[in-house]
Full PDB file with SEQRES, HELIX, SHEET, SSBOND, CRYST1, ORIGX, SCALE, CONECT and MASTER records, all heavy atoms in Angstrom:
SEQRES   1 A   35  GLY CYS GLY LYS SER VAL THR SER LEU SER ILE LEU ARG          
SEQRES   2 A   35  LEU ILE PRO ASN PRO PRO GLY LYS ILE SER GLY GLY GLU          
SEQRES   3 A   35  ILE LEU TYR LYS GLY LYS ASN LEU LEU                          
HELIX    1 AA1 LYS A    4  ILE A   11  1                                   8    
SHEET    1 AA1 2 LEU A  28  TYR A  29  0                                        
SHEET    2 AA1 2 LYS A  32  ASN A  33 -1                                        
CRYST1    1.000    1.000    1.000  90.00  90.00  90.00 P 1           1          
ORIGX1      1.000000  0.000000  0.000000        0.00000                         
ORIGX2      0.000000  1.000000  0.000000        0.00000                         
ORIGX3      0.000000  0.000000  1.000000        0.00000                         
SCALE1      1.000000  0.000000  0.000000        0.00000                         
SCALE2      0.000000  1.000000  0.000000        0.00000                         
SCALE3      0.000000  0.000000  1.000000        0.00000                         
ATOM      1  N   GLY A   1      16.604  -2.877  39.021  1.00  0.00           N  
ATOM      2  CA  GLY A   1      17.908  -2.176  39.118  1.00  0.00           C  
ATOM      3  C   GLY A   1      17.811  -0.700  39.453  1.00  0.00           C  
ATOM      4  O   GLY A   1      18.810   0.054  39.535  1.00  0.00           O  
ATOM      5  N   CYS A   2      16.554  -0.138  39.693  1.00  0.00           N  
ATOM      6  CA  CYS A   2      16.380   1.273  40.004  1.00  0.00           C  
ATOM      7  C   CYS A   2      16.586   1.623  41.388  1.00  0.00           C  
ATOM      8  O   CYS A   2      16.728   2.775  41.772  1.00  0.00           O  
ATOM      9  CB  CYS A   2      14.962   1.680  39.573  1.00  0.00           C  
ATOM     10  SG  CYS A   2      13.650   1.121  40.684  1.00  0.00           S  
ATOM     11  N   GLY A   3      16.764   0.603  42.314  1.00  0.00           N  
ATOM     12  CA  GLY A   3      17.105   0.883  43.735  1.00  0.00           C  
ATOM     13  C   GLY A   3      15.988   0.669  44.731  1.00  0.00           C  
ATOM     14  O   GLY A   3      16.132   0.905  45.849  1.00  0.00           O  
ATOM     15  N   LYS A   4      14.850   0.036  44.231  1.00  0.00           N  
ATOM     16  CA  LYS A   4      13.788  -0.264  45.082  1.00  0.00           C  
ATOM     17  C   LYS A   4      14.134  -1.237  46.235  1.00  0.00           C  
ATOM     18  O   LYS A   4      13.882  -0.937  47.436  1.00  0.00           O  
ATOM     19  CB  LYS A   4      12.590  -0.940  44.320  1.00  0.00           C  
ATOM     20  CG  LYS A   4      12.133  -0.194  43.067  1.00  0.00           C  
ATOM     21  CD  LYS A   4      10.911  -0.784  42.388  1.00  0.00           C  
ATOM     22  CE  LYS A   4      11.062  -2.265  41.954  1.00  0.00           C  
ATOM     23  NZ  LYS A   4      12.053  -2.436  40.867  1.00  0.00           N  
ATOM     24  N   SER A   5      14.720  -2.326  45.944  1.00  0.00           N  
ATOM     25  CA  SER A   5      15.021  -3.381  47.039  1.00  0.00           C  
ATOM     26  C   SER A   5      16.133  -2.866  47.864  1.00  0.00           C  
ATOM     27  O   SER A   5      16.143  -3.058  49.131  1.00  0.00           O  
ATOM     28  CB  SER A   5      15.351  -4.611  46.308  1.00  0.00           C  
ATOM     29  OG  SER A   5      14.303  -5.258  45.687  1.00  0.00           O  
ATOM     30  N   VAL A   6      17.071  -2.121  47.342  1.00  0.00           N  
ATOM     31  CA  VAL A   6      18.215  -1.545  48.120  1.00  0.00           C  
ATOM     32  C   VAL A   6      17.603  -0.595  49.110  1.00  0.00           C  
ATOM     33  O   VAL A   6      18.070  -0.556  50.300  1.00  0.00           O  
ATOM     34  CB  VAL A   6      19.301  -0.894  47.240  1.00  0.00           C  
ATOM     35  CG1 VAL A   6      20.346  -0.215  48.073  1.00  0.00           C  
ATOM     36  CG2 VAL A   6      19.932  -1.951  46.404  1.00  0.00           C  
ATOM     37  N   THR A   7      16.611   0.166  48.754  1.00  0.00           N  
ATOM     38  CA  THR A   7      15.930   1.128  49.710  1.00  0.00           C  
ATOM     39  C   THR A   7      15.403   0.358  50.818  1.00  0.00           C  
ATOM     40  O   THR A   7      15.526   0.759  51.987  1.00  0.00           O  
ATOM     41  CB  THR A   7      14.877   1.948  48.918  1.00  0.00           C  
ATOM     42  OG1 THR A   7      15.516   2.680  47.832  1.00  0.00           O  
ATOM     43  CG2 THR A   7      14.163   2.809  49.893  1.00  0.00           C  
ATOM     44  N   SER A   8      14.634  -0.730  50.570  1.00  0.00           N  
ATOM     45  CA  SER A   8      13.987  -1.503  51.628  1.00  0.00           C  
ATOM     46  C   SER A   8      15.024  -2.126  52.557  1.00  0.00           C  
ATOM     47  O   SER A   8      14.855  -2.155  53.774  1.00  0.00           O  
ATOM     48  CB  SER A   8      13.085  -2.554  51.005  1.00  0.00           C  
ATOM     49  OG  SER A   8      13.793  -3.557  50.284  1.00  0.00           O  
ATOM     50  N   LEU A   9      16.066  -2.683  51.974  1.00  0.00           N  
ATOM     51  CA  LEU A   9      17.158  -3.346  52.826  1.00  0.00           C  
ATOM     52  C   LEU A   9      17.855  -2.285  53.620  1.00  0.00           C  
ATOM     53  O   LEU A   9      18.283  -2.505  54.801  1.00  0.00           O  
ATOM     54  CB  LEU A   9      18.123  -4.095  51.925  1.00  0.00           C  
ATOM     55  CG  LEU A   9      17.551  -5.311  51.229  1.00  0.00           C  
ATOM     56  CD1 LEU A   9      18.590  -5.902  50.192  1.00  0.00           C  
ATOM     57  CD2 LEU A   9      17.196  -6.355  52.234  1.00  0.00           C  
ATOM     58  N   SER A  10      17.998  -1.050  53.087  1.00  0.00           N  
ATOM     59  CA  SER A  10      18.560   0.031  53.885  1.00  0.00           C  
ATOM     60  C   SER A  10      17.762   0.380  55.068  1.00  0.00           C  
ATOM     61  O   SER A  10      18.401   0.723  56.210  1.00  0.00           O  
ATOM     62  CB  SER A  10      18.767   1.267  52.979  1.00  0.00           C  
ATOM     63  OG  SER A  10      19.635   1.056  51.825  1.00  0.00           O  
ATOM     64  N   ILE A  11      16.438   0.379  54.990  1.00  0.00           N  
ATOM     65  CA  ILE A  11      15.546   0.739  56.122  1.00  0.00           C  
ATOM     66  C   ILE A  11      15.859  -0.241  57.323  1.00  0.00           C  
ATOM     67  O   ILE A  11      15.889   0.161  58.413  1.00  0.00           O  
ATOM     68  CB  ILE A  11      14.092   0.653  55.629  1.00  0.00           C  
ATOM     69  CG1 ILE A  11      13.818   1.851  54.666  1.00  0.00           C  
ATOM     70  CG2 ILE A  11      13.147   0.756  56.873  1.00  0.00           C  
ATOM     71  CD1 ILE A  11      12.398   1.733  54.035  1.00  0.00           C  
ATOM     72  N   LEU A  12      16.016  -1.458  56.937  1.00  0.00           N  
ATOM     73  CA  LEU A  12      16.301  -2.485  57.944  1.00  0.00           C  
ATOM     74  C   LEU A  12      17.756  -2.692  58.242  1.00  0.00           C  
ATOM     75  O   LEU A  12      18.078  -3.549  59.103  1.00  0.00           O  
ATOM     76  CB  LEU A  12      15.697  -3.854  57.531  1.00  0.00           C  
ATOM     77  CG  LEU A  12      14.147  -3.957  57.583  1.00  0.00           C  
ATOM     78  CD1 LEU A  12      13.722  -5.196  56.931  1.00  0.00           C  
ATOM     79  CD2 LEU A  12      13.652  -3.884  58.946  1.00  0.00           C  
ATOM     80  N   ARG A  13      18.591  -1.860  57.653  1.00  0.00           N  
ATOM     81  CA  ARG A  13      20.074  -1.936  57.819  1.00  0.00           C  
ATOM     82  C   ARG A  13      20.595  -3.342  57.585  1.00  0.00           C  
ATOM     83  O   ARG A  13      21.352  -3.928  58.253  1.00  0.00           O  
ATOM     84  CB  ARG A  13      20.434  -1.424  59.227  1.00  0.00           C  
ATOM     85  CG  ARG A  13      20.296   0.071  59.355  1.00  0.00           C  
ATOM     86  CD  ARG A  13      20.555   0.525  60.747  1.00  0.00           C  
ATOM     87  NE  ARG A  13      21.960   0.220  61.195  1.00  0.00           N  
ATOM     88  CZ  ARG A  13      22.421   0.496  62.419  1.00  0.00           C  
ATOM     89  NH1 ARG A  13      21.549   1.037  63.388  1.00  0.00           N  
ATOM     90  NH2 ARG A  13      23.604   0.195  62.767  1.00  0.00           N  
ATOM     91  N   LEU A  14      20.123  -3.888  56.476  1.00  0.00           N  
ATOM     92  CA  LEU A  14      20.494  -5.238  56.025  1.00  0.00           C  
ATOM     93  C   LEU A  14      21.514  -5.177  54.749  1.00  0.00           C  
ATOM     94  O   LEU A  14      21.740  -6.097  54.103  1.00  0.00           O  
ATOM     95  CB  LEU A  14      19.310  -6.047  55.644  1.00  0.00           C  
ATOM     96  CG  LEU A  14      18.500  -6.519  56.813  1.00  0.00           C  
ATOM     97  CD1 LEU A  14      17.185  -7.177  56.323  1.00  0.00           C  
ATOM     98  CD2 LEU A  14      19.241  -7.375  57.785  1.00  0.00           C  
ATOM     99  N   ILE A  15      22.000  -3.991  54.474  1.00  0.00           N  
ATOM    100  CA  ILE A  15      23.005  -3.900  53.390  1.00  0.00           C  
ATOM    101  C   ILE A  15      24.241  -4.509  53.698  1.00  0.00           C  
ATOM    102  O   ILE A  15      24.834  -4.208  54.774  1.00  0.00           O  
ATOM    103  CB  ILE A  15      23.171  -2.301  53.062  1.00  0.00           C  
ATOM    104  CG1 ILE A  15      21.892  -1.689  52.579  1.00  0.00           C  
ATOM    105  CG2 ILE A  15      24.246  -2.196  51.936  1.00  0.00           C  
ATOM    106  CD1 ILE A  15      21.315  -2.227  51.314  1.00  0.00           C  
ATOM    107  N   PRO A  16      24.783  -5.484  52.973  1.00  0.00           N  
ATOM    108  CA  PRO A  16      26.039  -6.126  53.359  1.00  0.00           C  
ATOM    109  C   PRO A  16      27.218  -5.176  53.196  1.00  0.00           C  
ATOM    110  O   PRO A  16      27.340  -4.489  52.245  1.00  0.00           O  
ATOM    111  CB  PRO A  16      26.141  -7.278  52.198  1.00  0.00           C  
ATOM    112  CG  PRO A  16      25.301  -6.809  51.110  1.00  0.00           C  
ATOM    113  CD  PRO A  16      24.196  -6.034  51.671  1.00  0.00           C  
ATOM    114  N   ASN A  17      27.972  -5.113  54.269  1.00  0.00           N  
ATOM    115  CA  ASN A  17      29.087  -4.242  54.398  1.00  0.00           C  
ATOM    116  C   ASN A  17      30.401  -4.977  54.708  1.00  0.00           C  
ATOM    117  O   ASN A  17      30.528  -5.464  55.747  1.00  0.00           O  
ATOM    118  CB  ASN A  17      28.840  -3.146  55.411  1.00  0.00           C  
ATOM    119  CG  ASN A  17      29.888  -2.109  55.434  1.00  0.00           C  
ATOM    120  OD1 ASN A  17      30.799  -2.001  54.596  1.00  0.00           O  
ATOM    121  ND2 ASN A  17      29.869  -1.178  56.403  1.00  0.00           N  
ATOM    122  N   PRO A  18      31.410  -5.014  53.784  1.00  0.00           N  
ATOM    123  CA  PRO A  18      31.366  -4.578  52.392  1.00  0.00           C  
ATOM    124  C   PRO A  18      30.502  -5.456  51.510  1.00  0.00           C  
ATOM    125  O   PRO A  18      30.153  -6.555  51.983  1.00  0.00           O  
ATOM    126  CB  PRO A  18      32.880  -4.628  51.996  1.00  0.00           C  
ATOM    127  CG  PRO A  18      33.378  -5.718  52.817  1.00  0.00           C  
ATOM    128  CD  PRO A  18      32.674  -5.668  54.122  1.00  0.00           C  
ATOM    129  N   PRO A  19      30.135  -5.022  50.359  1.00  0.00           N  
ATOM    130  CA  PRO A  19      30.607  -3.875  49.580  1.00  0.00           C  
ATOM    131  C   PRO A  19      29.767  -2.642  49.702  1.00  0.00           C  
ATOM    132  O   PRO A  19      30.081  -1.573  49.234  1.00  0.00           O  
ATOM    133  CB  PRO A  19      30.569  -4.314  48.099  1.00  0.00           C  
ATOM    134  CG  PRO A  19      29.345  -5.256  48.118  1.00  0.00           C  
ATOM    135  CD  PRO A  19      29.309  -5.925  49.432  1.00  0.00           C  
ATOM    136  N   GLY A  20      28.628  -2.797  50.395  1.00  0.00           N  
ATOM    137  CA  GLY A  20      27.693  -1.678  50.533  1.00  0.00           C  
ATOM    138  C   GLY A  20      27.771  -0.942  51.865  1.00  0.00           C  
ATOM    139  O   GLY A  20      28.212  -1.470  52.882  1.00  0.00           O  
ATOM    140  N   LYS A  21      27.250   0.261  51.940  1.00  0.00           N  
ATOM    141  CA  LYS A  21      27.092   1.015  53.111  1.00  0.00           C  
ATOM    142  C   LYS A  21      26.129   2.186  52.992  1.00  0.00           C  
ATOM    143  O   LYS A  21      25.918   2.704  51.821  1.00  0.00           O  
ATOM    144  CB  LYS A  21      28.423   1.594  53.610  1.00  0.00           C  
ATOM    145  CG  LYS A  21      28.966   2.721  52.756  1.00  0.00           C  
ATOM    146  CD  LYS A  21      30.269   3.254  53.346  1.00  0.00           C  
ATOM    147  CE  LYS A  21      30.790   4.393  52.411  1.00  0.00           C  
ATOM    148  NZ  LYS A  21      32.014   5.035  53.005  1.00  0.00           N  
ATOM    149  N   ILE A  22      25.421   2.543  54.007  1.00  0.00           N  
ATOM    150  CA  ILE A  22      24.450   3.675  53.977  1.00  0.00           C  
ATOM    151  C   ILE A  22      25.359   4.884  54.311  1.00  0.00           C  
ATOM    152  O   ILE A  22      25.924   4.992  55.373  1.00  0.00           O  
ATOM    153  CB  ILE A  22      23.375   3.489  55.064  1.00  0.00           C  
ATOM    154  CG1 ILE A  22      22.495   2.312  54.727  1.00  0.00           C  
ATOM    155  CG2 ILE A  22      22.495   4.824  55.042  1.00  0.00           C  
ATOM    156  CD1 ILE A  22      21.493   1.939  55.769  1.00  0.00           C  
ATOM    157  N   SER A  23      25.505   5.779  53.325  1.00  0.00           N  
ATOM    158  CA  SER A  23      26.510   6.796  53.442  1.00  0.00           C  
ATOM    159  C   SER A  23      25.866   8.197  53.656  1.00  0.00           C  
ATOM    160  O   SER A  23      26.670   9.161  53.769  1.00  0.00           O  
ATOM    161  CB  SER A  23      27.407   6.870  52.194  1.00  0.00           C  
ATOM    162  OG  SER A  23      26.671   6.796  51.000  1.00  0.00           O  
ATOM    163  N   GLY A  24      24.609   8.216  53.766  1.00  0.00           N  
ATOM    164  CA  GLY A  24      23.979   9.576  54.035  1.00  0.00           C  
ATOM    165  C   GLY A  24      22.508   9.451  54.266  1.00  0.00           C  
ATOM    166  O   GLY A  24      21.887   8.477  53.913  1.00  0.00           O  
ATOM    167  N   GLY A  25      21.965  10.460  54.930  1.00  0.00           N  
ATOM    168  CA  GLY A  25      20.552  10.564  55.147  1.00  0.00           C  
ATOM    169  C   GLY A  25      20.059  10.127  56.530  1.00  0.00           C  
ATOM    170  O   GLY A  25      20.912   9.808  57.392  1.00  0.00           O  
ATOM    171  N   GLU A  26      18.720  10.054  56.700  1.00  0.00           N  
ATOM    172  CA  GLU A  26      18.152   9.637  58.001  1.00  0.00           C  
ATOM    173  C   GLU A  26      16.981   8.707  57.685  1.00  0.00           C  
ATOM    174  O   GLU A  26      16.347   8.796  56.628  1.00  0.00           O  
ATOM    175  CB  GLU A  26      17.554  10.804  58.741  1.00  0.00           C  
ATOM    176  CG  GLU A  26      18.528  11.829  59.206  1.00  0.00           C  
ATOM    177  CD  GLU A  26      17.908  13.061  59.937  1.00  0.00           C  
ATOM    178  OE1 GLU A  26      17.156  13.723  59.224  1.00  0.00           O  
ATOM    179  OE2 GLU A  26      18.134  13.149  61.166  1.00  0.00           O  
ATOM    180  N   ILE A  27      16.759   7.691  58.599  1.00  0.00           N  
ATOM    181  CA  ILE A  27      15.583   6.837  58.556  1.00  0.00           C  
ATOM    182  C   ILE A  27      14.931   6.932  59.846  1.00  0.00           C  
ATOM    183  O   ILE A  27      15.373   6.411  60.894  1.00  0.00           O  
ATOM    184  CB  ILE A  27      15.988   5.381  58.227  1.00  0.00           C  
ATOM    185  CG1 ILE A  27      16.798   5.269  56.892  1.00  0.00           C  
ATOM    186  CG2 ILE A  27      14.746   4.485  58.200  1.00  0.00           C  
ATOM    187  CD1 ILE A  27      17.457   3.954  56.699  1.00  0.00           C  
ATOM    188  N   LEU A  28      13.804   7.759  59.942  1.00  0.00           N  
ATOM    189  CA  LEU A  28      13.187   8.085  61.125  1.00  0.00           C  
ATOM    190  C   LEU A  28      12.010   7.152  61.378  1.00  0.00           C  
ATOM    191  O   LEU A  28      11.000   7.191  60.640  1.00  0.00           O  
ATOM    192  CB  LEU A  28      12.702   9.553  61.168  1.00  0.00           C  
ATOM    193  CG  LEU A  28      13.804  10.577  60.932  1.00  0.00           C  
ATOM    194  CD1 LEU A  28      13.251  11.987  60.796  1.00  0.00           C  
ATOM    195  CD2 LEU A  28      14.832  10.525  62.049  1.00  0.00           C  
ATOM    196  N   TYR A  29      12.018   6.300  62.422  1.00  0.00           N  
ATOM    197  CA  TYR A  29      10.932   5.513  62.837  1.00  0.00           C  
ATOM    198  C   TYR A  29      10.397   5.960  64.118  1.00  0.00           C  
ATOM    199  O   TYR A  29      11.125   6.021  65.189  1.00  0.00           O  
ATOM    200  CB  TYR A  29      11.456   4.037  62.986  1.00  0.00           C  
ATOM    201  CG  TYR A  29      10.385   3.094  63.598  1.00  0.00           C  
ATOM    202  CD1 TYR A  29       9.171   2.821  62.914  1.00  0.00           C  
ATOM    203  CD2 TYR A  29      10.641   2.540  64.826  1.00  0.00           C  
ATOM    204  CE1 TYR A  29       8.252   1.981  63.520  1.00  0.00           C  
ATOM    205  CE2 TYR A  29       9.677   1.702  65.370  1.00  0.00           C  
ATOM    206  CZ  TYR A  29       8.501   1.403  64.748  1.00  0.00           C  
ATOM    207  OH  TYR A  29       7.542   0.603  65.344  1.00  0.00           O  
ATOM    208  N   LYS A  30       9.137   6.495  64.077  1.00  0.00           N  
ATOM    209  CA  LYS A  30       8.536   7.031  65.295  1.00  0.00           C  
ATOM    210  C   LYS A  30       9.409   8.151  65.890  1.00  0.00           C  
ATOM    211  O   LYS A  30       9.591   8.285  67.053  1.00  0.00           O  
ATOM    212  CB  LYS A  30       8.180   6.027  66.289  1.00  0.00           C  
ATOM    213  CG  LYS A  30       7.131   5.008  65.849  1.00  0.00           C  
ATOM    214  CD  LYS A  30       6.764   3.950  66.863  1.00  0.00           C  
ATOM    215  CE  LYS A  30       5.694   3.032  66.395  1.00  0.00           C  
ATOM    216  NZ  LYS A  30       5.305   2.038  67.408  1.00  0.00           N  
ATOM    217  N   GLY A  31      10.038   8.956  64.916  1.00  0.00           N  
ATOM    218  CA  GLY A  31      10.877  10.020  65.310  1.00  0.00           C  
ATOM    219  C   GLY A  31      12.323   9.703  65.733  1.00  0.00           C  
ATOM    220  O   GLY A  31      13.055  10.579  65.967  1.00  0.00           O  
ATOM    221  N   LYS A  32      12.678   8.381  65.711  1.00  0.00           N  
ATOM    222  CA  LYS A  32      14.036   7.948  66.100  1.00  0.00           C  
ATOM    223  C   LYS A  32      14.733   7.576  64.885  1.00  0.00           C  
ATOM    224  O   LYS A  32      14.311   6.807  64.030  1.00  0.00           O  
ATOM    225  CB  LYS A  32      13.848   6.829  67.047  1.00  0.00           C  
ATOM    226  CG  LYS A  32      15.095   6.192  67.583  1.00  0.00           C  
ATOM    227  CD  LYS A  32      14.856   5.288  68.843  1.00  0.00           C  
ATOM    228  CE  LYS A  32      13.725   4.344  68.618  1.00  0.00           C  
ATOM    229  NZ  LYS A  32      13.446   3.474  69.740  1.00  0.00           N  
ATOM    230  N   ASN A  33      15.974   8.036  64.677  1.00  0.00           N  
ATOM    231  CA  ASN A  33      16.873   7.756  63.584  1.00  0.00           C  
ATOM    232  C   ASN A  33      17.469   6.324  63.668  1.00  0.00           C  
ATOM    233  O   ASN A  33      18.313   6.137  64.540  1.00  0.00           O  
ATOM    234  CB  ASN A  33      17.959   8.783  63.406  1.00  0.00           C  
ATOM    235  CG  ASN A  33      18.678   8.618  62.071  1.00  0.00           C  
ATOM    236  OD1 ASN A  33      18.409   7.703  61.256  1.00  0.00           O  
ATOM    237  ND2 ASN A  33      19.782   9.429  61.904  1.00  0.00           N  
ATOM    238  N   LEU A  34      17.048   5.417  62.852  1.00  0.00           N  
ATOM    239  CA  LEU A  34      17.498   4.015  62.986  1.00  0.00           C  
ATOM    240  C   LEU A  34      18.988   3.943  62.714  1.00  0.00           C  
ATOM    241  O   LEU A  34      19.626   3.002  63.191  1.00  0.00           O  
ATOM    242  CB  LEU A  34      16.686   3.145  61.970  1.00  0.00           C  
ATOM    243  CG  LEU A  34      15.202   3.074  62.186  1.00  0.00           C  
ATOM    244  CD1 LEU A  34      14.589   2.096  61.171  1.00  0.00           C  
ATOM    245  CD2 LEU A  34      14.839   2.544  63.594  1.00  0.00           C  
ATOM    246  N   LEU A  35      19.556   4.854  61.889  1.00  0.00           N  
ATOM    247  CA  LEU A  35      20.932   4.814  61.525  1.00  0.00           C  
ATOM    248  C   LEU A  35      21.865   5.096  62.798  1.00  0.00           C  
ATOM    249  O   LEU A  35      23.021   4.859  62.680  1.00  0.00           O  
ATOM    250  CB  LEU A  35      21.258   5.732  60.378  1.00  0.00           C  
ATOM    251  CG  LEU A  35      20.456   5.513  59.138  1.00  0.00           C  
ATOM    252  CD1 LEU A  35      20.877   6.475  58.028  1.00  0.00           C  
ATOM    253  CD2 LEU A  35      20.659   4.058  58.633  1.00  0.00           C  
TER     254      LEU A  35                                                      
MASTER        0    0    0    1    2    0    0    6  253    1    0    3          
END                                                                             
């Protein structure tokens, strides 16, 4: 429940929306923002 798995799913943009969403930050892969 500390957020480990949610972090990993966020990297792949697999967070179910709704109820979840990536609401801030950047995920840079080889310099490109995946978001």
